[in-house]
């Protein structure tokens, strides 16, 4: 499985906003859910501008361990994201992506009635 669709989606998360692993998985219909989203974020290549730090656990919890944990916290704070201990104030900073619109032209275009010209 290629992680490119995941990386492209994560690049849409605006500064100062976060998305949970579960919401990311649901938006992209990833098999395996939040765990798969977590694996994708763990495979994020450096130097491509993918804001991996904007993806957090359920309830806004920072789940990353080790040296990257402090980096994630600092990056989020630099964007104005409020944290209490290791938890984002999710009610203020959760990003809700717009639902994908279906092709409106195909739904709204009617064939002309028989015998009538446009």
PDB file of N, CA and C in Angstrom:
ATOM      1  N   UNK A   1       0.844  -1.184   0.000  1.00  0.00           N
ATOM      2  CA  UNK A   1       0.000   0.000   0.000  1.00  0.00           C
ATOM      3  C   UNK A   1       0.884   1.240   0.000  1.00  0.00           C
ATOM      4  N   UNK A   2       0.557   2.183  -0.848  1.00  0.00           N
ATOM      5  CA  UNK A   2       1.278   3.446  -0.898  1.00  0.00           C
ATOM      6  C   UNK A   2       0.672   4.405   0.124  1.00  0.00           C
ATOM      7  N   UNK A   3       1.533   5.124   0.825  1.00  0.00           N
ATOM      8  CA  UNK A   3       1.068   6.101   1.812  1.00  0.00           C
ATOM      9  C   UNK A   3       0.834   7.476   1.191  1.00  0.00           C
ATOM     10  N   UNK A   4       1.060   7.629  -0.094  1.00  0.00           N
ATOM     11  CA  UNK A   4       0.930   8.946  -0.732  1.00  0.00           C
ATOM     12  C   UNK A   4      -0.431   9.605  -0.510  1.00  0.00           C
ATOM     13  N   UNK A   5      -1.563   8.866  -0.646  1.00  0.00           N
ATOM     14  CA  UNK A   5      -2.854   9.519  -0.388  1.00  0.00           C
ATOM     15  C   UNK A   5      -2.961  10.037   1.053  1.00  0.00           C
ATOM     16  N   UNK A   6      -2.378   9.303   1.985  1.00  0.00           N
ATOM     17  CA  UNK A   6      -2.391   9.734   3.388  1.00  0.00           C
ATOM     18  C   UNK A   6      -1.573  11.008   3.536  1.00  0.00           C
ATOM     19  N   UNK A   7      -0.385  11.036   2.951  1.00  0.00           N
ATOM     20  CA  UNK A   7       0.477  12.217   3.054  1.00  0.00           C
ATOM     21  C   UNK A   7      -0.183  13.436   2.424  1.00  0.00           C
ATOM     22  N   UNK A   8      -0.825  13.254   1.272  1.00  0.00           N
ATOM     23  CA  UNK A   8      -1.521  14.381   0.614  1.00  0.00           C
ATOM     24  C   UNK A   8      -2.648  14.916   1.487  1.00  0.00           C
ATOM     25  N   UNK A   9      -3.378  14.010   2.118  1.00  0.00           N
ATOM     26  CA  UNK A   9      -4.486  14.427   2.979  1.00  0.00           C
ATOM     27  C   UNK A   9      -3.962  15.184   4.195  1.00  0.00           C
ATOM     28  N   UNK A  10      -2.918  14.682   4.807  1.00  0.00           N
ATOM     29  CA  UNK A  10      -2.339  15.334   5.994  1.00  0.00           C
ATOM     30  C   UNK A  10      -1.819  16.725   5.638  1.00  0.00           C
ATOM     31  N   UNK A  11      -1.333  16.910   4.420  1.00  0.00           N
ATOM     32  CA  UNK A  11      -0.853  18.230   4.006  1.00  0.00           C
ATOM     33  C   UNK A  11      -1.978  19.259   3.954  1.00  0.00           C
ATOM     34  N   UNK A  12      -3.217  18.834   3.921  1.00  0.00           N
ATOM     35  CA  UNK A  12      -4.356  19.750   3.895  1.00  0.00           C
ATOM     36  C   UNK A  12      -4.725  20.274   5.287  1.00  0.00           C
ATOM     37  N   UNK A  13      -4.227  19.639   6.348  1.00  0.00           N
ATOM     38  CA  UNK A  13      -4.571  20.087   7.701  1.00  0.00           C
ATOM     39  C   UNK A  13      -3.963  21.469   7.914  1.00  0.00           C
ATOM     40  N   UNK A  14      -4.793  22.473   8.220  1.00  0.00           N
ATOM     41  CA  UNK A  14      -4.267  23.838   8.373  1.00  0.00           C
ATOM     42  C   UNK A  14      -3.420  24.004   9.636  1.00  0.00           C
ATOM     43  N   UNK A  15      -2.557  25.011   9.592  1.00  0.00           N
ATOM     44  CA  UNK A  15      -1.780  25.373  10.780  1.00  0.00           C
ATOM     45  C   UNK A  15      -2.739  25.656  11.929  1.00  0.00           C
ATOM     46  N   UNK A  16      -2.366  25.217  13.119  1.00  0.00           N
ATOM     47  CA  UNK A  16      -3.190  25.469  14.288  1.00  0.00           C
ATOM     48  C   UNK A  16      -4.338  24.491  14.469  1.00  0.00           C
ATOM     49  N   UNK A  17      -4.425  23.492  13.596  1.00  0.00           N
ATOM     50  CA  UNK A  17      -5.477  22.482  13.685  1.00  0.00           C
ATOM     51  C   UNK A  17      -4.845  21.101  13.769  1.00  0.00           C
ATOM     52  N   UNK A  18      -5.601  20.154  14.293  1.00  0.00           N
ATOM     53  CA  UNK A  18      -5.140  18.766  14.383  1.00  0.00           C
ATOM     54  C   UNK A  18      -6.250  17.843  13.893  1.00  0.00           C
ATOM     55  N   UNK A  19      -5.873  16.624  13.605  1.00  0.00           N
ATOM     56  CA  UNK A  19      -6.796  15.581  13.192  1.00  0.00           C
ATOM     57  C   UNK A  19      -6.394  14.319  13.941  1.00  0.00           C
ATOM     58  N   UNK A  20      -7.351  13.520  14.354  1.00  0.00           N
ATOM     59  CA  UNK A  20      -7.009  12.284  15.053  1.00  0.00           C
ATOM     60  C   UNK A  20      -6.671  11.182  14.049  1.00  0.00           C
ATOM     61  N   UNK A  21      -5.935  10.201  14.533  1.00  0.00           N
ATOM     62  CA  UNK A  21      -5.611   9.055  13.683  1.00  0.00           C
ATOM     63  C   UNK A  21      -6.894   8.383  13.187  1.00  0.00           C
ATOM     64  N   UNK A  22      -7.874   8.266  14.073  1.00  0.00           N
ATOM     65  CA  UNK A  22      -9.133   7.637  13.699  1.00  0.00           C
ATOM     66  C   UNK A  22      -9.880   8.415  12.631  1.00  0.00           C
ATOM     67  N   UNK A  23      -9.907   9.736  12.763  1.00  0.00           N
ATOM     68  CA  UNK A  23     -10.589  10.563  11.766  1.00  0.00           C
ATOM     69  C   UNK A  23      -9.861  10.507  10.426  1.00  0.00           C
ATOM     70  N   UNK A  24      -8.539  10.467  10.471  1.00  0.00           N
ATOM     71  CA  UNK A  24      -7.755  10.345   9.248  1.00  0.00           C
ATOM     72  C   UNK A  24      -8.078   9.018   8.556  1.00  0.00           C
ATOM     73  N   UNK A  25      -8.112   7.957   9.337  1.00  0.00           N
ATOM     74  CA  UNK A  25      -8.428   6.635   8.784  1.00  0.00           C
ATOM     75  C   UNK A  25      -9.835   6.592   8.209  1.00  0.00           C
ATOM     76  N   UNK A  26     -10.782   7.211   8.912  1.00  0.00           N
ATOM     77  CA  UNK A  26     -12.169   7.215   8.434  1.00  0.00           C
ATOM     78  C   UNK A  26     -12.306   8.025   7.145  1.00  0.00           C
ATOM     79  N   UNK A  27     -11.639   9.173   7.089  1.00  0.00           N
ATOM     80  CA  UNK A  27     -11.737  10.034   5.910  1.00  0.00           C
ATOM     81  C   UNK A  27     -11.202   9.340   4.665  1.00  0.00           C
ATOM     82  N   UNK A  28     -10.163   8.537   4.839  1.00  0.00           N
ATOM     83  CA  UNK A  28      -9.547   7.858   3.699  1.00  0.00           C
ATOM     84  C   UNK A  28      -9.970   6.389   3.578  1.00  0.00           C
ATOM     85  N   UNK A  29     -10.838   5.960   4.478  1.00  0.00           N
ATOM     86  CA  UNK A  29     -11.305   4.574   4.509  1.00  0.00           C
ATOM     87  C   UNK A  29     -10.134   3.595   4.528  1.00  0.00           C
ATOM     88  N   UNK A  30      -9.207   3.847   5.438  1.00  0.00           N
ATOM     89  CA  UNK A  30      -8.033   2.991   5.547  1.00  0.00           C
ATOM     90  C   UNK A  30      -8.385   1.671   6.212  1.00  0.00           C
ATOM     91  N   UNK A  31      -7.999   0.560   5.605  1.00  0.00           N
ATOM     92  CA  UNK A  31      -8.227  -0.728   6.264  1.00  0.00           C
ATOM     93  C   UNK A  31      -7.352  -0.785   7.517  1.00  0.00           C
ATOM     94  N   UNK A  32      -7.913  -1.210   8.607  1.00  0.00           N
ATOM     95  CA  UNK A  32      -7.138  -1.264   9.845  1.00  0.00           C
ATOM     96  C   UNK A  32      -7.314  -0.023  10.694  1.00  0.00           C
ATOM     97  N   UNK A  33      -8.023   0.965  10.196  1.00  0.00           N
ATOM     98  CA  UNK A  33      -8.374   2.139  10.984  1.00  0.00           C
ATOM     99  C   UNK A  33      -7.204   2.971  11.484  1.00  0.00           C
ATOM    100  N   UNK A  34      -7.330   3.407  12.724  1.00  0.00           N
ATOM    101  CA  UNK A  34      -6.370   4.330  13.321  1.00  0.00           C
ATOM    102  C   UNK A  34      -4.954   3.743  13.365  1.00  0.00           C
ATOM    103  N   UNK A  35      -4.851   2.456  13.556  1.00  0.00           N
ATOM    104  CA  UNK A  35      -3.515   1.831  13.597  1.00  0.00           C
ATOM    105  C   UNK A  35      -2.797   1.991  12.249  1.00  0.00           C
ATOM    106  N   UNK A  36      -3.544   1.833  11.180  1.00  0.00           N
ATOM    107  CA  UNK A  36      -2.954   2.001   9.859  1.00  0.00           C
ATOM    108  C   UNK A  36      -2.533   3.453   9.652  1.00  0.00           C
ATOM    109  N   UNK A  37      -3.366   4.387  10.100  1.00  0.00           N
ATOM    110  CA  UNK A  37      -3.007   5.807  10.007  1.00  0.00           C
ATOM    111  C   UNK A  37      -1.732   6.079  10.809  1.00  0.00           C
ATOM    112  N   UNK A  38      -1.608   5.457  11.959  1.00  0.00           N
ATOM    113  CA  UNK A  38      -0.401   5.596  12.774  1.00  0.00           C
ATOM    114  C   UNK A  38       0.833   5.053  12.074  1.00  0.00           C
ATOM    115  N   UNK A  39       0.679   3.928  11.400  1.00  0.00           N
ATOM    116  CA  UNK A  39       1.813   3.366  10.648  1.00  0.00           C
ATOM    117  C   UNK A  39       2.222   4.306   9.518  1.00  0.00           C
ATOM    118  N   UNK A  40       1.231   4.890   8.859  1.00  0.00           N
ATOM    119  CA  UNK A  40       1.531   5.833   7.773  1.00  0.00           C
ATOM    120  C   UNK A  40       2.295   7.038   8.316  1.00  0.00           C
ATOM    121  N   UNK A  41       1.861   7.557   9.454  1.00  0.00           N
ATOM    122  CA  UNK A  41       2.545   8.718  10.030  1.00  0.00           C
ATOM    123  C   UNK A  41       3.956   8.354  10.481  1.00  0.00           C
ATOM    124  N   UNK A  42       4.129   7.132  10.927  1.00  0.00           N
ATOM    125  CA  UNK A  42       5.461   6.663  11.304  1.00  0.00           C
ATOM    126  C   UNK A  42       6.390   6.538  10.109  1.00  0.00           C
ATOM    127  N   UNK A  43       5.823   6.396   8.930  1.00  0.00           N
ATOM    128  CA  UNK A  43       6.612   6.256   7.696  1.00  0.00           C
ATOM    129  C   UNK A  43       6.777   7.576   6.951  1.00  0.00           C
ATOM    130  N   UNK A  44       6.371   8.677   7.573  1.00  0.00           N
ATOM    131  CA  UNK A  44       6.447   9.972   6.909  1.00  0.00           C
ATOM    132  C   UNK A  44       7.898  10.313   6.576  1.00  0.00           C
ATOM    133  N   UNK A  45       8.175  10.575   5.310  1.00  0.00           N
ATOM    134  CA  UNK A  45       9.551  10.934   4.942  1.00  0.00           C
ATOM    135  C   UNK A  45       9.861  12.374   5.372  1.00  0.00           C
ATOM    136  N   UNK A  46      11.078  12.590   5.799  1.00  0.00           N
ATOM    137  CA  UNK A  46      11.464  13.949   6.191  1.00  0.00           C
ATOM    138  C   UNK A  46      11.772  14.774   4.945  1.00  0.00           C
ATOM    139  N   UNK A  47      11.651  16.074   5.096  1.00  0.00           N
ATOM    140  CA  UNK A  47      12.000  16.979   4.020  1.00  0.00           C
ATOM    141  C   UNK A  47      10.933  17.187   2.963  1.00  0.00           C
ATOM    142  N   UNK A  48       9.733  16.654   3.173  1.00  0.00           N
ATOM    143  CA  UNK A  48       8.672  16.808   2.177  1.00  0.00           C
ATOM    144  C   UNK A  48       7.566  17.752   2.633  1.00  0.00           C
ATOM    145  N   UNK A  49       7.709  18.330   3.815  1.00  0.00           N
ATOM    146  CA  UNK A  49       6.722  19.288   4.289  1.00  0.00           C
ATOM    147  C   UNK A  49       5.407  18.663   4.720  1.00  0.00           C
ATOM    148  N   UNK A  50       5.443  17.426   5.125  1.00  0.00           N
ATOM    149  CA  UNK A  50       4.228  16.755   5.588  1.00  0.00           C
ATOM    150  C   UNK A  50       4.094  17.025   7.088  1.00  0.00           C
ATOM    151  N   UNK A  51       3.020  17.701   7.499  1.00  0.00           N
ATOM    152  CA  UNK A  51       2.873  18.080   8.906  1.00  0.00           C
ATOM    153  C   UNK A  51       2.395  16.930   9.794  1.00  0.00           C
ATOM    154  N   UNK A  52       3.221  15.930   9.955  1.00  0.00           N
ATOM    155  CA  UNK A  52       2.915  14.738  10.742  1.00  0.00           C
ATOM    156  C   UNK A  52       2.501  15.090  12.166  1.00  0.00           C
ATOM    157  N   UNK A  53       3.026  16.200  12.670  1.00  0.00           N
ATOM    158  CA  UNK A  53       2.777  16.582  14.057  1.00  0.00           C
ATOM    159  C   UNK A  53       1.330  16.994  14.307  1.00  0.00           C
ATOM    160  N   UNK A  54       0.558  17.228  13.249  1.00  0.00           N
ATOM    161  CA  UNK A  54      -0.838  17.647  13.382  1.00  0.00           C
ATOM    162  C   UNK A  54      -1.794  16.465  13.512  1.00  0.00           C
ATOM    163  N   UNK A  55      -1.272  15.254  13.518  1.00  0.00           N
ATOM    164  CA  UNK A  55      -2.108  14.063  13.694  1.00  0.00           C
ATOM    165  C   UNK A  55      -1.866  13.539  15.106  1.00  0.00           C
ATOM    166  N   UNK A  56      -2.974  13.439  15.862  1.00  0.00           N
ATOM    167  CA  UNK A  56      -2.889  13.082  17.284  1.00  0.00           C
ATOM    168  C   UNK A  56      -3.843  11.939  17.595  1.00  0.00           C
ATOM    169  N   UNK A  57      -3.718  11.420  18.799  1.00  0.00           N
ATOM    170  CA  UNK A  57      -4.585  10.335  19.230  1.00  0.00           C
ATOM    171  C   UNK A  57      -5.976  10.815  19.595  1.00  0.00           C
ATOM    172  N   UNK A  58      -6.830   9.871  19.916  1.00  0.00           N
ATOM    173  CA  UNK A  58      -8.202  10.176  20.311  1.00  0.00           C
ATOM    174  C   UNK A  58      -8.195  11.140  21.495  1.00  0.00           C
ATOM    175  N   UNK A  59      -9.099  12.090  21.451  1.00  0.00           N
ATOM    176  CA  UNK A  59      -9.188  13.067  22.532  1.00  0.00           C
ATOM    177  C   UNK A  59      -8.061  14.074  22.534  1.00  0.00           C
ATOM    178  N   UNK A  60      -7.234  14.073  21.485  1.00  0.00           N
ATOM    179  CA  UNK A  60      -6.146  15.036  21.378  1.00  0.00           C
ATOM    180  C   UNK A  60      -4.851  14.607  22.040  1.00  0.00           C
ATOM    181  N   UNK A  61      -4.778  13.369  22.477  1.00  0.00           N
ATOM    182  CA  UNK A  61      -3.583  12.895  23.191  1.00  0.00           C
ATOM    183  C   UNK A  61      -2.394  12.746  22.245  1.00  0.00           C
ATOM    184  N   UNK A  62      -1.243  13.253  22.685  1.00  0.00           N
ATOM    185  CA  UNK A  62       0.000  13.064  21.931  1.00  0.00           C
ATOM    186  C   UNK A  62       0.503  11.667  22.238  1.00  0.00           C
ATOM    187  N   UNK A  63       0.616  10.839  21.223  1.00  0.00           N
ATOM    188  CA  UNK A  63       0.968   9.433  21.413  1.00  0.00           C
ATOM    189  C   UNK A  63       2.413   9.106  21.073  1.00  0.00           C
ATOM    190  N   UNK A  64       3.084  10.015  20.410  1.00  0.00           N
ATOM    191  CA  UNK A  64       4.455   9.756  19.993  1.00  0.00           C
ATOM    192  C   UNK A  64       5.358   9.722  21.222  1.00  0.00           C
ATOM    193  N   UNK A  65       6.297   8.820  21.227  1.00  0.00           N
ATOM    194  CA  UNK A  65       7.233   8.673  22.356  1.00  0.00           C
ATOM    195  C   UNK A  65       8.628   9.122  21.938  1.00  0.00           C
ATOM    196  N   UNK A  66       9.485   9.253  22.915  1.00  0.00           N
ATOM    197  CA  UNK A  66      10.886   9.553  22.668  1.00  0.00           C
ATOM    198  C   UNK A  66      11.132  10.982  22.234  1.00  0.00           C
ATOM    199  N   UNK A  67      12.223  11.208  21.522  1.00  0.00           N
ATOM    200  CA  UNK A  67      12.603  12.581  21.172  1.00  0.00           C
ATOM    201  C   UNK A  67      11.593  13.288  20.274  1.00  0.00           C
ATOM    202  N   UNK A  68      10.839  12.526  19.494  1.00  0.00           N
ATOM    203  CA  UNK A  68       9.863  13.152  18.614  1.00  0.00           C
ATOM    204  C   UNK A  68       8.663  13.698  19.386  1.00  0.00           C
ATOM    205  N   UNK A  69       8.452  13.199  20.595  1.00  0.00           N
ATOM    206  CA  UNK A  69       7.325  13.673  21.410  1.00  0.00           C
ATOM    207  C   UNK A  69       7.484  15.153  21.737  1.00  0.00           C
ATOM    208  N   UNK A  70       8.658  15.556  22.162  1.00  0.00           N
ATOM    209  CA  UNK A  70       8.899  16.968  22.488  1.00  0.00           C
ATOM    210  C   UNK A  70       8.853  17.821  21.227  1.00  0.00           C
ATOM    211  N   UNK A  71       9.353  17.283  20.124  1.00  0.00           N
ATOM    212  CA  UNK A  71       9.313  18.013  18.862  1.00  0.00           C
ATOM    213  C   UNK A  71       7.870  18.258  18.439  1.00  0.00           C
ATOM    214  N   UNK A  72       7.020  17.226  18.542  1.00  0.00           N
ATOM    215  CA  UNK A  72       5.619  17.383  18.182  1.00  0.00           C
ATOM    216  C   UNK A  72       4.972  18.466  19.042  1.00  0.00           C
ATOM    217  N   UNK A  73       5.219  18.427  20.324  1.00  0.00           N
ATOM    218  CA  UNK A  73       4.639  19.416  21.237  1.00  0.00           C
ATOM    219  C   UNK A  73       5.097  20.827  20.881  1.00  0.00           C
ATOM    220  N   UNK A  74       6.380  20.991  20.615  1.00  0.00           N
ATOM    221  CA  UNK A  74       6.915  22.313  20.265  1.00  0.00           C
ATOM    222  C   UNK A  74       6.353  22.821  18.942  1.00  0.00           C
ATOM    223  N   UNK A  75       6.250  21.928  17.956  1.00  0.00           N
ATOM    224  CA  UNK A  75       5.702  22.332  16.655  1.00  0.00           C
ATOM    225  C   UNK A  75       4.247  22.761  16.777  1.00  0.00           C
ATOM    226  N   UNK A  76       3.463  22.013  17.535  1.00  0.00           N
ATOM    227  CA  UNK A  76       2.057  22.372  17.720  1.00  0.00           C
ATOM    228  C   UNK A  76       1.926  23.703  18.453  1.00  0.00           C
ATOM    229  N   UNK A  77       2.700  23.881  19.508  1.00  0.00           N
ATOM    230  CA  UNK A  77       2.649  25.132  20.266  1.00  0.00           C
ATOM    231  C   UNK A  77       3.075  26.314  19.407  1.00  0.00           C
ATOM    232  N   UNK A  78       4.046  26.107  18.518  1.00  0.00           N
ATOM    233  CA  UNK A  78       4.496  27.197  17.645  1.00  0.00           C
ATOM    234  C   UNK A  78       3.402  27.622  16.667  1.00  0.00           C
ATOM    235  N   UNK A  79       2.422  26.743  16.427  1.00  0.00           N
ATOM    236  CA  UNK A  79       1.294  27.051  15.546  1.00  0.00           C
ATOM    237  C   UNK A  79       0.094  27.591  16.321  1.00  0.00           C
ATOM    238  N   UNK A  80       0.248  27.748  17.631  1.00  0.00           N
ATOM    239  CA  UNK A  80      -0.837  28.286  18.448  1.00  0.00           C
ATOM    240  C   UNK A  80      -1.786  27.239  19.005  1.00  0.00           C
ATOM    241  N   UNK A  81      -1.434  25.977  18.883  1.00  0.00           N
ATOM    242  CA  UNK A  81      -2.268  24.908  19.424  1.00  0.00           C
ATOM    243  C   UNK A  81      -2.067  24.862  20.939  1.00  0.00           C
ATOM    244  N   UNK A  82      -3.180  24.895  21.660  1.00  0.00           N
ATOM    245  CA  UNK A  82      -3.124  24.853  23.118  1.00  0.00           C
ATOM    246  C   UNK A  82      -3.095  23.406  23.592  1.00  0.00           C
ATOM    247  N   UNK A  83      -2.168  23.143  24.520  1.00  0.00           N
ATOM    248  CA  UNK A  83      -2.035  21.809  25.092  1.00  0.00           C
ATOM    249  C   UNK A  83      -2.092  21.909  26.610  1.00  0.00           C
ATOM    250  N   UNK A  84      -2.671  20.896  27.215  1.00  0.00           N
ATOM    251  CA  UNK A  84      -2.632  20.729  28.660  1.00  0.00           C
ATOM    252  C   UNK A  84      -1.920  19.407  28.875  1.00  0.00           C
ATOM    253  N   UNK A  85      -0.735  19.499  29.472  1.00  0.00           N
ATOM    254  CA  UNK A  85       0.166  18.355  29.606  1.00  0.00           C
ATOM    255  C   UNK A  85       0.447  17.797  28.216  1.00  0.00           C
ATOM    256  N   UNK A  86       0.027  16.595  27.930  1.00  0.00           N
ATOM    257  CA  UNK A  86       0.278  16.014  26.602  1.00  0.00           C
ATOM    258  C   UNK A  86      -1.018  15.801  25.838  1.00  0.00           C
ATOM    259  N   UNK A  87      -1.926  16.763  25.962  1.00  0.00           N
ATOM    260  CA  UNK A  87      -3.220  16.637  25.304  1.00  0.00           C
ATOM    261  C   UNK A  87      -3.611  17.974  24.678  1.00  0.00           C
ATOM    262  N   UNK A  88      -3.976  17.917  23.387  1.00  0.00           N
ATOM    263  CA  UNK A  88      -4.435  19.097  22.666  1.00  0.00           C
ATOM    264  C   UNK A  88      -5.849  19.437  23.125  1.00  0.00           C
ATOM    265  N   UNK A  89      -6.141  20.719  23.232  1.00  0.00           N
ATOM    266  CA  UNK A  89      -7.519  21.136  23.504  1.00  0.00           C
ATOM    267  C   UNK A  89      -8.308  20.900  22.215  1.00  0.00           C
ATOM    268  N   UNK A  90      -8.789  19.692  22.110  1.00  0.00           N
ATOM    269  CA  UNK A  90      -9.372  19.201  20.862  1.00  0.00           C
ATOM    270  C   UNK A  90     -10.618  19.983  20.455  1.00  0.00           C
ATOM    271  N   UNK A  91     -11.384  20.470  21.418  1.00  0.00           N
ATOM    272  CA  UNK A  91     -12.598  21.215  21.079  1.00  0.00           C
ATOM    273  C   UNK A  91     -12.280  22.517  20.357  1.00  0.00           C
ATOM    274  N   UNK A  92     -11.084  23.034  20.533  1.00  0.00           N
ATOM    275  CA  UNK A  92     -10.677  24.276  19.870  1.00  0.00           C
ATOM    276  C   UNK A  92      -9.889  24.050  18.589  1.00  0.00           C
ATOM    277  N   UNK A  93      -9.192  22.937  18.514  1.00  0.00           N
ATOM    278  CA  UNK A  93      -8.225  22.763  17.433  1.00  0.00           C
ATOM    279  C   UNK A  93      -8.497  21.620  16.475  1.00  0.00           C
ATOM    280  N   UNK A  94      -9.608  20.919  16.642  1.00  0.00           N
ATOM    281  CA  UNK A  94      -9.902  19.799  15.746  1.00  0.00           C
ATOM    282  C   UNK A  94     -10.281  20.318  14.364  1.00  0.00           C
ATOM    283  N   UNK A  95      -9.635  19.782  13.357  1.00  0.00           N
ATOM    284  CA  UNK A  95      -9.942  20.132  11.965  1.00  0.00           C
ATOM    285  C   UNK A  95     -11.010  19.184  11.456  1.00  0.00           C
ATOM    286  N   UNK A  96     -12.033  19.755  10.862  1.00  0.00           N
ATOM    287  CA  UNK A  96     -13.098  18.945  10.272  1.00  0.00           C
ATOM    288  C   UNK A  96     -13.058  19.167   8.766  1.00  0.00           C
ATOM    289  N   UNK A  97     -12.461  18.235   8.053  1.00  0.00           N
ATOM    290  CA  UNK A  97     -12.356  18.413   6.592  1.00  0.00           C
ATOM    291  C   UNK A  97     -13.732  18.433   5.945  1.00  0.00           C
ATOM    292  N   UNK A  98     -13.826  19.237   4.908  1.00  0.00           N
ATOM    293  CA  UNK A  98     -15.078  19.305   4.150  1.00  0.00           C
ATOM    294  C   UNK A  98     -15.325  17.962   3.498  1.00  0.00           C
ATOM    295  N   UNK A  99     -16.559  17.573   3.465  1.00  0.00           N
ATOM    296  CA  UNK A  99     -16.918  16.317   2.788  1.00  0.00           C
ATOM    297  C   UNK A  99     -16.670  16.474   1.305  1.00  0.00           C
ATOM    298  N   UNK A 100     -16.237  15.403   0.679  1.00  0.00           N
ATOM    299  CA  UNK A 100     -16.010  15.424  -0.759  1.00  0.00           C
ATOM    300  C   UNK A 100     -17.349  15.590  -1.460  1.00  0.00           C
ATOM    301  N   UNK A 101     -17.430  16.561  -2.357  1.00  0.00           N
ATOM    302  CA  UNK A 101     -18.657  16.772  -3.109  1.00  0.00           C
ATOM    303  C   UNK A 101     -18.663  15.849  -4.309  1.00  0.00           C
ATOM    304  N   UNK A 102     -19.828  15.302  -4.574  1.00  0.00           N
ATOM    305  CA  UNK A 102     -19.962  14.469  -5.766  1.00  0.00           C
ATOM    306  C   UNK A 102     -20.031  15.399  -6.964  1.00  0.00           C
ATOM    307  N   UNK A 103     -19.846  14.841  -8.102  1.00  0.00           N
ATOM    308  CA  UNK A 103     -19.876  15.627  -9.322  1.00  0.00           C
ATOM    309  C   UNK A 103     -21.270  16.229  -9.488  1.00  0.00           C
ATOM    310  N   UNK A 104     -21.395  17.513  -9.181  1.00  0.00           N
ATOM    311  CA  UNK A 104     -22.685  18.193  -9.197  1.00  0.00           C
ATOM    312  C   UNK A 104     -23.243  18.295 -10.611  1.00  0.00           C
ATOM    313  N   UNK A 105     -22.375  18.424 -11.587  1.00  0.00           N
ATOM    314  CA  UNK A 105     -22.846  18.585 -12.961  1.00  0.00           C
ATOM    315  C   UNK A 105     -23.661  17.373 -13.398  1.00  0.00           C
ATOM    316  N   UNK A 106     -23.196  16.190 -13.060  1.00  0.00           N
ATOM    317  CA  UNK A 106     -23.899  14.994 -13.503  1.00  0.00           C
ATOM    318  C   UNK A 106     -25.243  14.851 -12.802  1.00  0.00           C
ATOM    319  N   UNK A 107     -25.373  15.345 -11.561  1.00  0.00           N
ATOM    320  CA  UNK A 107     -26.643  15.250 -10.850  1.00  0.00           C
ATOM    321  C   UNK A 107     -27.630  16.311 -11.307  1.00  0.00           C
ATOM    322  N   UNK A 108     -27.133  17.496 -11.635  1.00  0.00           N
ATOM    323  CA  UNK A 108     -28.016  18.614 -11.945  1.00  0.00           C
ATOM    324  C   UNK A 108     -28.325  18.768 -13.425  1.00  0.00           C
ATOM    325  N   UNK A 109     -27.646  18.041 -14.246  1.00  0.00           N
ATOM    326  CA  UNK A 109     -27.873  18.157 -15.685  1.00  0.00           C
ATOM    327  C   UNK A 109     -28.949  17.168 -16.089  1.00  0.00           C
ATOM    328  N   UNK A 110     -30.028  17.709 -16.607  1.00  0.00           N
ATOM    329  CA  UNK A 110     -31.112  16.850 -17.075  1.00  0.00           C
ATOM    330  C   UNK A 110     -31.100  16.828 -18.593  1.00  0.00           C
ATOM    331  N   UNK A 111     -31.478  15.728 -19.111  1.00  0.00           N
ATOM    332  CA  UNK A 111     -31.630  15.647 -20.563  1.00  0.00           C
ATOM    333  C   UNK A 111     -32.864  16.458 -20.938  1.00  0.00           C
ATOM    334  N   UNK A 112     -32.836  17.168 -22.061  1.00  0.00           N
ATOM    335  CA  UNK A 112     -34.012  17.943 -22.458  1.00  0.00           C
ATOM    336  C   UNK A 112     -35.205  17.016 -22.680  1.00  0.00           C
ATOM    337  N   UNK A 113     -36.374  17.537 -22.328  1.00  0.00           N
ATOM    338  CA  UNK A 113     -37.606  16.750 -22.523  1.00  0.00           C
ATOM    339  C   UNK A 113     -37.795  16.482 -24.016  1.00  0.00           C
ATOM    340  N   UNK A 114     -38.441  15.397 -24.334  1.00  0.00           N
ATOM    341  CA  UNK A 114     -38.663  15.040 -25.738  1.00  0.00           C
ATOM    342  C   UNK A 114     -39.474  16.112 -26.433  1.00  0.00           C
ATOM    343  N   UNK A 115     -39.030  16.425 -27.599  1.00  0.00           N
ATOM    344  CA  UNK A 115     -39.751  17.398 -28.406  1.00  0.00           C
ATOM    345  C   UNK A 115     -39.407  18.843 -28.088  1.00  0.00           C
ATOM    346  N   UNK A 116     -38.619  19.090 -27.050  1.00  0.00           N
ATOM    347  CA  UNK A 116     -38.261  20.468 -26.697  1.00  0.00           C
ATOM    348  C   UNK A 116     -36.794  20.699 -27.012  1.00  0.00           C
ATOM    349  N   UNK A 117     -36.506  21.855 -27.498  1.00  0.00           N
ATOM    350  CA  UNK A 117     -35.122  22.249 -27.771  1.00  0.00           C
ATOM    351  C   UNK A 117     -34.734  23.305 -26.753  1.00  0.00           C
ATOM    352  N   UNK A 118     -33.484  23.313 -26.365  1.00  0.00           N
ATOM    353  CA  UNK A 118     -32.998  24.335 -25.420  1.00  0.00           C
ATOM    354  C   UNK A 118     -32.750  25.634 -26.085  1.00  0.00           C
TER     355      UNK A 118
END
